[in-house]
Amino acid sequence: MTKSGLTTATALAGLAMLAAGFGPAPAQAQDCTYKIGSVLSLTGSYGAFGVPISKAAQLAVEQVDEARGDIGCALVYDVRDSQTQASVAVDSARKLIDLEGVTALVGPISSGITAPLLTSVTLEEDVLVIATASTSSTFTNMGRSGETKGLFFRTLPADSLQAVATAKMAWDAGFRNPAVIYLNNDWGVNNQAEFVAAFEALGGTVADSVAYNADQASYRSEVNKALEGGPDAVYLLSTPQDGRKIFREWVRFEGPSGYILAQGMNDEAFTGDLTDDLLANAWFITPGTPEPSSVDRMERDMQARWEISAAGPGRASGYDAGALIALAHVAAAIDGAGHDGPTLAQYVRELTGPEGEPFFADLDGYRKAIAALQEGRKTRYIGPTGPVQFDAYGDVAVPFIGQQFRNGEYENLMQISLDDVRAIKAEVSGGN
C-alpha cells in the first residue's frame, strides 16, 4: 500500500491512465481513502485528556470530509491508543504508517511520548505530525537545528511561553517563594526550569524543585521535601490524577494554601469534589483564545456530535490538528499534488498563512474555504484556538489567562499578554 493511503485498485488505475498518455485527473469522486492517523492517550495517566481530544480531532476530520463533496478521496480518522507509554505509541505509529499508509498524524499529548515518536518513526518515514498538547521546548530546539525537517507542528504553545506566563501569574497572585513539584519527564523538567528562571527574573525565589514519578501510591516524601524550604505556595506540574494525590498530601501535612496549577489541571479529574475553600487561593493557567475564533462553533458542534464540551484541556488544539491535516489533504487533491508528509506540511503552512482569506472552522466555513481553493485563492484558517499561525519551528503563540475555580466554574480573572511574556523572556536572556 502506498503512503498516500490509496487502495491498490486505485493506484493501478492511475498507472494505467498515465501509461495511456493522460495527465493528472481533475479533482473528482474516487473509490479511495486517505487515513488520518492519530496516536493519543485513550488510557493511562493522560487518558482523561486523550479521549475528548480524540473526539475533537475526529469531529474536525468528519466535517472536512463532508465539506469536500466529490473532491479527492474520502477522509477517515483512525486513532490508536498509546496507553500513555512511549513504546506503545511508537509501535502504533509504525502500524499506521506501514500497514495503513498514513502520511500525517494527529500527535500525542505527552512530550515524553512525542519525542521518541518523532525520533524513532515519523521523521525517518517523512510523516507529518501535528501534536495536540506536547509543549516541551525540546521540539523548538529540534526545529532550530533542522531535526524536525519541517514535519512537526503543535497547536498548543510551547513551555517556553507557558512557563513564563505561569511565573507571571504566580507573581501577580502575590506568591514570592513557591516550591515546585514536577513530573519527571521531558515536559516537567523543561517547564520547571523555564518557570524558575522567569520567576527569579521577576524578583522571586523558588523554595525547592522536587521531581516525582507518575502513578505513585503516595507522594508523602516529595511533599515533605518541598515543604523544607518554607514555601508560600506550590506549583504543581503534574497530571490531574497525580496532582490530586499530591494536593491531598500537601493539605494533610499543612502546606500553605497557595496553589499554582499547570496547564491541563483545570479539569474534573483534578478538581473533583475539592471544595471552594480548599481552592480559594488556587490559580490555573490556560492559553487564551484570541479573537476572532471558532470556539463557539466548536462548542455547538461538539455538543451535537458527542454531547461533550469543547472547553476541556487540549480539545480545541486537538480539533485544530485534525482539521489542518484534513484540509491539507483536500488542498493537495485540488492541486493534483502528492499526499506525502512534506507536501501536506507545505499545505498546512499555506492554510495558516497571514495573507489568505479568513474562514471559520465549521462545515459552512470549510465549504467556503474549499470553494476558494478551487478558484485558486489563498485562505487562512481560524480555529477554536484563534487564527493559527506557525513560526519557522512549528510553534504557535497566544496570550494566557489566569483562572480560579469558584462555584463549580473556572473564572477568567487575569490576563497575561504575549508582550508580558516577551518582556520577561528578554529579562531572563539579559541576565544570562
Protein backbone atom coordinates (compact mmCIF):
# COMPACT_ATOMS: atom_id res chain seq x y z
CA MET A 1 0.00 0.00 0.00
CA THR A 2 1.30 3.44 -0.85
CA LYS A 3 1.86 6.00 1.88
CA SER A 4 -0.92 8.13 0.43
CA GLY A 5 -3.39 5.53 1.63
CA LEU A 6 -4.83 4.89 -1.83
CA THR A 7 -6.30 1.48 -2.41
CA THR A 8 -4.30 -0.85 -4.64
CA ALA A 9 -7.03 -0.79 -7.24
CA THR A 10 -6.99 2.98 -7.43
CA ALA A 11 -3.21 3.10 -7.67
CA LEU A 12 -3.21 0.60 -10.56
CA ALA A 13 -5.93 2.56 -12.32
CA GLY A 14 -3.84 5.70 -12.05
CA LEU A 15 -0.82 3.96 -13.56
CA ALA A 16 -2.94 2.73 -16.44
CA MET A 17 -4.13 6.25 -17.19
CA LEU A 18 -0.59 7.62 -17.20
CA ALA A 19 0.55 4.81 -19.48
CA ALA A 20 -2.23 5.76 -21.88
CA GLY A 21 -0.91 9.30 -22.07
CA PHE A 22 -3.33 11.06 -19.77
CA GLY A 23 -2.23 13.88 -17.47
CA PRO A 24 -3.39 14.33 -13.85
CA ALA A 25 -7.11 13.75 -13.49
CA PRO A 26 -9.26 16.64 -12.27
CA ALA A 27 -10.46 16.51 -8.67
CA GLN A 28 -13.49 14.23 -8.57
CA ALA A 29 -15.05 11.48 -6.53
CA GLN A 30 -12.81 8.42 -6.31
CA ASP A 31 -13.14 4.99 -4.76
CA CYS A 32 -10.27 5.56 -2.34
CA THR A 33 -9.50 6.67 1.19
CA TYR A 34 -6.92 8.81 2.92
CA LYS A 35 -6.50 7.76 6.52
CA ILE A 36 -5.63 10.45 9.02
CA GLY A 37 -3.83 8.68 11.81
CA SER A 38 -3.83 9.60 15.47
CA VAL A 39 -1.76 8.34 18.38
CA LEU A 40 -3.29 9.55 21.63
CA SER A 41 -3.59 8.54 25.28
CA LEU A 42 -7.02 6.94 25.49
CA THR A 43 -5.96 5.13 28.67
CA GLY A 44 -3.16 5.60 31.18
CA SER A 45 -2.24 8.75 33.08
CA TYR A 46 -3.34 11.10 30.26
CA GLY A 47 -6.47 9.16 29.31
CA ALA A 48 -8.73 11.79 30.89
CA PHE A 49 -7.38 14.25 28.32
CA GLY A 50 -6.93 11.93 25.36
CA VAL A 51 -10.45 10.64 24.86
CA PRO A 52 -12.15 14.05 24.41
CA ILE A 53 -9.16 15.38 22.43
CA SER A 54 -9.54 12.44 20.05
CA LYS A 55 -13.25 13.11 19.68
CA ALA A 56 -12.49 16.73 18.83
CA ALA A 57 -9.98 15.71 16.16
CA GLN A 58 -12.41 13.17 14.74
CA LEU A 59 -15.16 15.79 14.54
CA ALA A 60 -12.90 18.08 12.53
CA VAL A 61 -11.96 15.31 10.07
CA GLU A 62 -15.60 14.33 9.63
CA GLN A 63 -16.62 17.93 8.92
CA VAL A 64 -13.87 18.49 6.34
CA ASP A 65 -14.73 15.16 4.70
CA GLU A 66 -18.38 16.20 4.37
CA ALA A 67 -17.40 19.65 3.09
CA ARG A 68 -15.09 18.31 0.34
CA GLY A 69 -18.02 16.92 -1.66
CA ASP A 70 -16.63 14.90 -4.59
CA ILE A 71 -13.08 16.25 -4.36
CA GLY A 72 -10.37 13.64 -3.97
CA CYS A 73 -10.56 10.66 -1.64
CA ALA A 74 -12.66 10.07 1.44
CA LEU A 75 -11.06 11.16 4.70
CA VAL A 76 -11.15 8.69 7.59
CA TYR A 77 -9.89 9.24 11.14
CA ASP A 78 -8.01 6.28 12.64
CA VAL A 79 -6.96 6.60 16.29
CA ARG A 80 -4.67 4.25 18.22
CA ASP A 81 -4.25 4.19 21.99
CA SER A 82 -0.72 4.93 23.20
CA GLN A 83 -1.74 3.88 26.73
CA THR A 84 0.44 6.86 27.73
CA GLN A 85 3.50 4.71 27.03
CA ALA A 86 6.22 5.68 24.57
CA SER A 87 6.88 2.12 23.38
CA VAL A 88 3.20 1.53 22.65
CA ALA A 89 2.94 4.86 20.82
CA VAL A 90 5.95 4.06 18.63
CA ASP A 91 4.54 0.64 17.75
CA SER A 92 1.10 2.11 16.99
CA ALA A 93 2.59 4.77 14.72
CA ARG A 94 4.60 2.17 12.81
CA LYS A 95 1.46 0.14 12.16
CA LEU A 96 -0.47 3.20 10.98
CA ILE A 97 2.34 4.17 8.62
CA ASP A 98 3.42 0.75 7.34
CA LEU A 99 0.06 -1.04 7.22
CA GLU A 100 -2.48 1.75 6.75
CA GLY A 101 -0.50 4.11 4.52
CA VAL A 102 -0.83 7.09 6.87
CA THR A 103 1.33 10.11 5.98
CA ALA A 104 0.13 12.52 8.69
CA LEU A 105 -0.66 12.02 12.36
CA VAL A 106 -2.61 13.88 14.99
CA GLY A 107 0.15 13.74 17.57
CA PRO A 108 0.39 12.76 21.23
CA ILE A 109 -0.41 14.74 24.35
CA SER A 110 2.76 14.00 26.29
CA SER A 111 6.13 15.39 25.21
CA GLY A 112 7.70 12.24 26.66
CA ILE A 113 5.80 10.23 24.06
CA THR A 114 6.11 12.66 21.18
CA ALA A 115 9.92 12.79 21.33
CA PRO A 116 10.50 9.04 20.72
CA LEU A 117 7.65 9.00 18.20
CA LEU A 118 9.48 11.63 16.14
CA THR A 119 13.00 10.28 16.51
CA SER A 120 12.12 6.59 16.10
CA VAL A 121 9.43 6.67 13.44
CA THR A 122 7.88 9.71 11.82
CA LEU A 123 10.92 11.77 10.85
CA GLU A 124 12.58 8.73 9.31
CA GLU A 125 9.40 8.00 7.32
CA ASP A 126 8.78 11.66 6.36
CA VAL A 127 5.41 11.67 8.12
CA LEU A 128 3.79 14.94 9.23
CA VAL A 129 2.89 15.25 12.92
CA ILE A 130 0.66 17.95 14.41
CA ALA A 131 0.81 17.48 18.18
CA THR A 132 -2.19 18.42 20.28
CA ALA A 133 -0.54 19.10 23.64
CA SER A 134 3.20 18.31 23.60
CA THR A 135 4.65 21.54 24.90
CA SER A 136 8.31 20.81 25.72
CA SER A 137 10.83 23.33 24.42
CA THR A 138 12.84 20.32 23.19
CA PHE A 139 10.85 20.41 19.96
CA THR A 140 11.58 24.09 19.38
CA ASN A 141 15.27 23.30 19.76
CA MET A 142 14.92 20.36 17.37
CA GLY A 143 13.29 22.68 14.86
CA ARG A 144 16.08 25.23 15.19
CA SER A 145 18.67 22.57 14.44
CA GLY A 146 16.72 21.25 11.44
CA GLU A 147 16.00 17.88 13.04
CA THR A 148 12.23 18.08 12.57
CA LYS A 149 12.61 18.68 8.81
CA GLY A 150 9.58 20.99 8.82
CA LEU A 151 7.36 17.99 9.60
CA PHE A 152 6.39 18.88 13.16
CA PHE A 153 3.79 21.40 14.28
CA ARG A 154 1.88 21.86 17.52
CA THR A 155 -1.34 23.73 18.12
CA LEU A 156 -0.67 24.42 21.81
CA PRO A 157 2.01 26.93 22.90
CA ALA A 158 5.42 25.64 23.94
CA ASP A 159 6.69 25.60 27.52
CA SER A 160 8.99 28.48 26.67
CA LEU A 161 5.82 30.60 26.65
CA GLN A 162 3.61 28.69 29.08
CA ALA A 163 6.09 28.50 31.92
CA VAL A 164 6.87 32.20 31.67
CA ALA A 165 3.17 33.07 31.65
CA THR A 166 2.69 30.86 34.71
CA ALA A 167 5.52 32.66 36.52
CA LYS A 168 3.86 36.00 35.75
CA MET A 169 0.51 34.69 37.01
CA ALA A 170 2.09 33.41 40.23
CA TRP A 171 3.89 36.71 40.85
CA ASP A 172 0.77 38.79 40.21
CA ALA A 173 -1.21 36.47 42.53
CA GLY A 174 1.16 37.51 45.32
CA PHE A 175 3.39 34.46 45.66
CA ARG A 176 7.07 35.12 46.30
CA ASN A 177 8.67 31.82 47.36
CA PRO A 178 6.85 28.82 45.87
CA ALA A 179 8.06 25.24 45.77
CA VAL A 180 7.78 23.27 42.54
CA ILE A 181 6.74 19.62 42.39
CA TYR A 182 7.14 18.43 38.82
CA LEU A 183 6.64 15.26 36.79
CA ASN A 184 10.00 13.72 35.98
CA ASN A 185 9.69 13.69 32.21
CA ASP A 186 10.67 15.97 29.34
CA TRP A 187 7.68 18.26 29.86
CA GLY A 188 8.10 18.58 33.63
CA VAL A 189 11.88 19.08 33.58
CA ASN A 190 11.80 21.78 30.89
CA ASN A 191 8.76 23.58 32.26
CA GLN A 192 10.12 23.83 35.80
CA ALA A 193 13.45 25.16 34.50
CA GLU A 194 11.70 27.84 32.43
CA PHE A 195 9.42 28.72 35.35
CA VAL A 196 12.27 29.07 37.85
CA ALA A 197 14.28 31.32 35.52
CA ALA A 198 11.26 33.53 34.81
CA PHE A 199 10.10 33.73 38.43
CA GLU A 200 13.57 34.71 39.62
CA ALA A 201 13.78 37.34 36.87
CA LEU A 202 10.60 38.85 38.30
CA GLY A 203 12.28 39.10 41.71
CA GLY A 204 11.01 35.97 43.41
CA THR A 205 12.75 32.90 44.76
CA VAL A 206 11.89 29.20 44.46
CA ALA A 207 11.99 27.32 47.76
CA ASP A 208 12.78 23.98 46.16
CA SER A 209 12.12 21.95 43.00
CA VAL A 210 11.19 18.32 43.60
CA ALA A 211 10.75 15.73 40.85
CA TYR A 212 8.26 12.87 41.11
CA ASN A 213 7.48 9.78 39.04
CA ALA A 214 3.98 9.17 37.70
CA ASP A 215 1.36 6.91 39.25
CA GLN A 216 2.93 6.51 42.68
CA ALA A 217 0.74 5.24 45.50
CA SER A 218 1.98 8.04 47.76
CA TYR A 219 3.78 11.37 47.36
CA ARG A 220 4.50 11.89 51.04
CA SER A 221 8.28 12.10 50.66
CA GLU A 222 8.09 14.59 47.77
CA VAL A 223 5.68 16.82 49.66
CA ASN A 224 7.80 16.77 52.82
CA LYS A 225 10.92 17.66 50.84
CA ALA A 226 9.12 20.55 49.10
CA LEU A 227 7.96 21.88 52.48
CA GLU A 228 11.50 22.02 53.91
CA GLY A 229 12.24 25.34 52.21
CA GLY A 230 9.30 27.12 53.84
CA PRO A 231 7.37 27.90 50.62
CA ASP A 232 4.37 30.21 50.43
CA ALA A 233 2.75 28.13 47.65
CA VAL A 234 3.34 25.07 45.48
CA TYR A 235 3.47 24.89 41.69
CA LEU A 236 2.04 21.51 40.66
CA LEU A 237 3.49 20.45 37.32
CA SER A 238 1.59 17.20 37.18
CA THR A 239 -1.17 15.21 35.58
CA PRO A 240 -4.60 15.82 37.14
CA GLN A 241 -4.63 12.36 38.69
CA ASP A 242 -1.18 12.68 40.28
CA GLY A 243 -1.88 16.29 41.17
CA ARG A 244 -4.95 15.29 43.13
CA LYS A 245 -2.90 12.85 45.23
CA ILE A 246 -0.14 15.42 45.79
CA PHE A 247 -2.71 18.06 46.72
CA ARG A 248 -4.23 15.83 49.39
CA GLU A 249 -0.79 15.06 50.85
CA TRP A 250 0.01 18.79 50.83
CA VAL A 251 -3.16 19.57 52.79
CA ARG A 252 -2.55 16.68 55.15
CA PHE A 253 0.92 17.98 56.05
CA GLU A 254 -0.44 21.52 56.44
CA GLY A 255 1.33 23.08 53.49
CA PRO A 256 0.44 26.70 52.64
CA SER A 257 -2.86 27.14 50.83
CA GLY A 258 -1.41 28.85 47.75
CA TYR A 259 -1.53 26.72 44.60
CA ILE A 260 -0.18 27.32 41.09
CA LEU A 261 -1.63 24.79 38.67
CA ALA A 262 -0.07 23.88 35.34
CA GLN A 263 -1.97 23.86 32.09
CA GLY A 264 -4.38 20.96 31.93
CA MET A 265 -5.11 20.95 35.67
CA ASN A 266 -8.36 22.84 35.07
CA ASP A 267 -10.12 19.51 34.73
CA GLU A 268 -12.65 17.48 36.68
CA ALA A 269 -10.01 14.78 37.19
CA PHE A 270 -8.19 17.24 39.46
CA THR A 271 -10.88 19.44 41.00
CA GLY A 272 -13.38 16.61 41.52
CA ASP A 273 -15.05 17.13 44.88
CA LEU A 274 -12.48 19.64 46.15
CA THR A 275 -14.31 22.46 47.91
CA ASP A 276 -14.11 26.16 47.13
CA ASP A 277 -12.42 26.69 50.49
CA LEU A 278 -9.57 24.36 49.59
CA LEU A 279 -9.13 26.05 46.20
CA ALA A 280 -9.69 29.63 47.37
CA ASN A 281 -6.08 30.59 46.60
CA ALA A 282 -5.51 28.26 43.68
CA TRP A 283 -4.57 29.69 40.27
CA PHE A 284 -4.86 27.80 36.98
CA ILE A 285 -3.01 28.80 33.81
CA THR A 286 -4.61 28.25 30.39
CA PRO A 287 -3.99 29.58 26.87
CA GLY A 288 -6.17 32.50 25.91
CA THR A 289 -8.39 32.47 22.86
CA PRO A 290 -7.52 35.35 20.55
CA GLU A 291 -10.32 36.94 18.60
CA PRO A 292 -11.64 36.07 16.17
CA SER A 293 -12.01 32.36 16.86
CA SER A 294 -14.28 29.42 16.10
CA VAL A 295 -14.68 28.38 19.72
CA ASP A 296 -18.46 28.94 19.76
CA ARG A 297 -18.83 26.88 16.59
CA MET A 298 -16.79 24.05 18.06
CA GLU A 299 -18.82 24.11 21.28
CA ARG A 300 -22.05 23.84 19.29
CA ASP A 301 -20.74 21.03 17.10
CA MET A 302 -19.07 19.06 19.92
CA GLN A 303 -22.33 19.10 21.85
CA ALA A 304 -24.27 17.95 18.80
CA ARG A 305 -21.83 15.18 17.82
CA TRP A 306 -20.60 13.90 21.18
CA GLU A 307 -22.65 15.66 23.90
CA ILE A 308 -19.42 16.93 25.47
CA SER A 309 -17.99 20.42 25.84
CA ALA A 310 -15.24 21.93 23.73
CA ALA A 311 -13.86 23.69 26.81
CA GLY A 312 -11.72 20.90 28.29
CA PRO A 313 -7.89 20.92 28.17
CA GLY A 314 -6.43 20.26 24.74
CA ARG A 315 -9.74 19.84 22.94
CA ALA A 316 -9.52 22.98 20.83
CA SER A 317 -5.91 22.25 19.88
CA GLY A 318 -6.86 18.66 19.04
CA TYR A 319 -9.64 19.92 16.79
CA ASP A 320 -7.22 22.26 15.01
CA ALA A 321 -4.74 19.42 14.43
CA GLY A 322 -7.37 17.18 12.83
CA ALA A 323 -8.83 20.00 10.75
CA LEU A 324 -5.49 21.18 9.34
CA ILE A 325 -4.39 17.69 8.29
CA ALA A 326 -7.76 17.01 6.66
CA LEU A 327 -7.76 20.36 4.85
CA ALA A 328 -4.20 19.77 3.65
CA HIS A 329 -5.34 16.52 2.02
CA VAL A 330 -8.21 18.33 0.27
CA ALA A 331 -5.95 21.18 -0.90
CA ALA A 332 -3.47 18.64 -2.30
CA ALA A 333 -6.29 16.85 -4.14
CA ILE A 334 -7.49 20.14 -5.67
CA ASP A 335 -3.98 20.84 -7.00
CA GLY A 336 -3.35 17.27 -8.12
CA ALA A 337 -0.37 17.18 -5.75
CA GLY A 338 1.01 14.33 -3.69
CA HIS A 339 -0.19 13.39 -0.23
CA ASP A 340 3.20 12.63 1.29
CA GLY A 341 4.21 14.22 4.59
CA PRO A 342 6.39 17.06 3.24
CA THR A 343 3.71 18.09 0.72
CA LEU A 344 0.99 18.08 3.37
CA ALA A 345 3.24 20.12 5.66
CA GLN A 346 3.57 22.77 2.96
CA TYR A 347 -0.20 22.94 2.59
CA VAL A 348 -0.58 23.33 6.37
CA ARG A 349 1.64 26.41 6.16
CA GLU A 350 -0.34 27.79 3.21
CA LEU A 351 -3.65 27.24 5.00
CA THR A 352 -2.40 29.19 8.03
CA GLY A 353 -0.56 32.00 6.25
CA PRO A 354 -1.41 35.56 7.27
CA GLU A 355 -2.34 36.79 3.80
CA GLY A 356 -5.20 34.41 2.98
CA GLU A 357 -8.95 34.98 3.13
CA PRO A 358 -10.06 34.04 6.68
CA PHE A 359 -12.57 31.25 7.21
CA PHE A 360 -14.05 29.80 10.39
CA ALA A 361 -13.86 26.18 11.46
CA ASP A 362 -17.21 24.54 10.87
CA LEU A 363 -18.95 22.80 7.99
CA ASP A 364 -20.04 26.03 6.32
CA GLY A 365 -16.60 27.58 6.74
CA TYR A 366 -14.89 24.54 5.23
CA ARG A 367 -17.20 24.59 2.23
CA LYS A 368 -16.39 28.26 1.61
CA ALA A 369 -12.65 27.65 2.03
CA ILE A 370 -12.63 24.68 -0.33
CA ALA A 371 -14.54 26.66 -2.95
CA ALA A 372 -11.97 29.44 -2.65
CA LEU A 373 -9.10 26.96 -3.03
CA GLN A 374 -10.73 25.56 -6.17
CA GLU A 375 -10.72 29.08 -7.58
CA GLY A 376 -7.03 29.47 -6.79
CA ARG A 377 -7.47 31.88 -3.87
CA LYS A 378 -5.46 31.70 -0.65
CA THR A 379 -7.27 31.01 2.61
CA ARG A 380 -6.49 31.42 6.30
CA TYR A 381 -7.74 29.01 8.94
CA ILE A 382 -9.34 30.47 12.07
CA GLY A 383 -9.88 27.63 14.50
CA PRO A 384 -11.20 27.41 18.04
CA THR A 385 -7.74 28.40 19.34
CA GLY A 386 -7.90 31.53 17.15
CA PRO A 387 -6.08 32.43 13.93
CA VAL A 388 -3.44 29.70 13.83
CA GLN A 389 -0.05 30.83 12.55
CA PHE A 390 3.08 28.72 12.90
CA ASP A 391 6.60 30.09 13.22
CA ALA A 392 9.60 28.56 11.44
CA TYR A 393 9.80 25.79 14.06
CA GLY A 394 6.13 24.79 14.03
CA ASP A 395 5.21 26.68 17.22
CA VAL A 396 2.22 28.93 17.86
CA ALA A 397 1.99 31.94 20.17
CA VAL A 398 -1.10 33.02 22.09
CA PRO A 399 -1.81 35.04 25.23
CA PHE A 400 -2.70 33.30 28.51
CA ILE A 401 -5.36 33.55 31.18
CA GLY A 402 -5.15 33.06 34.95
CA GLN A 403 -8.25 31.31 36.29
CA GLN A 404 -9.75 30.48 39.65
CA PHE A 405 -12.30 27.77 40.36
CA ARG A 406 -15.44 29.10 42.02
CA ASN A 407 -18.89 27.58 42.42
CA GLY A 408 -18.03 24.75 40.06
CA GLU A 409 -16.78 27.00 37.26
CA TYR A 410 -13.49 28.47 36.08
CA GLU A 411 -13.45 32.25 36.15
CA ASN A 412 -11.03 34.20 33.96
CA LEU A 413 -9.51 36.73 36.37
CA MET A 414 -6.07 37.57 34.99
CA GLN A 415 -4.75 38.37 31.51
CA ILE A 416 -1.13 37.58 30.61
CA SER A 417 -0.33 39.07 27.21
CA LEU A 418 2.35 38.00 24.76
CA ASP A 419 4.04 41.32 25.45
CA ASP A 420 4.20 40.37 29.15
CA VAL A 421 5.76 37.02 28.29
CA ARG A 422 8.25 38.51 25.84
CA ALA A 423 9.34 41.17 28.33
CA ILE A 424 10.08 38.53 30.96
CA LYS A 425 11.92 36.33 28.46
CA ALA A 426 14.05 39.33 27.49
CA GLU A 427 14.84 39.90 31.16
CA VAL A 428 15.86 36.25 31.53
CA SER A 429 18.06 36.43 28.45
CA GLY A 430 19.65 39.64 29.65
CA GLY A 431 20.52 38.06 32.98
CA ASN A 432 22.44 35.16 31.46
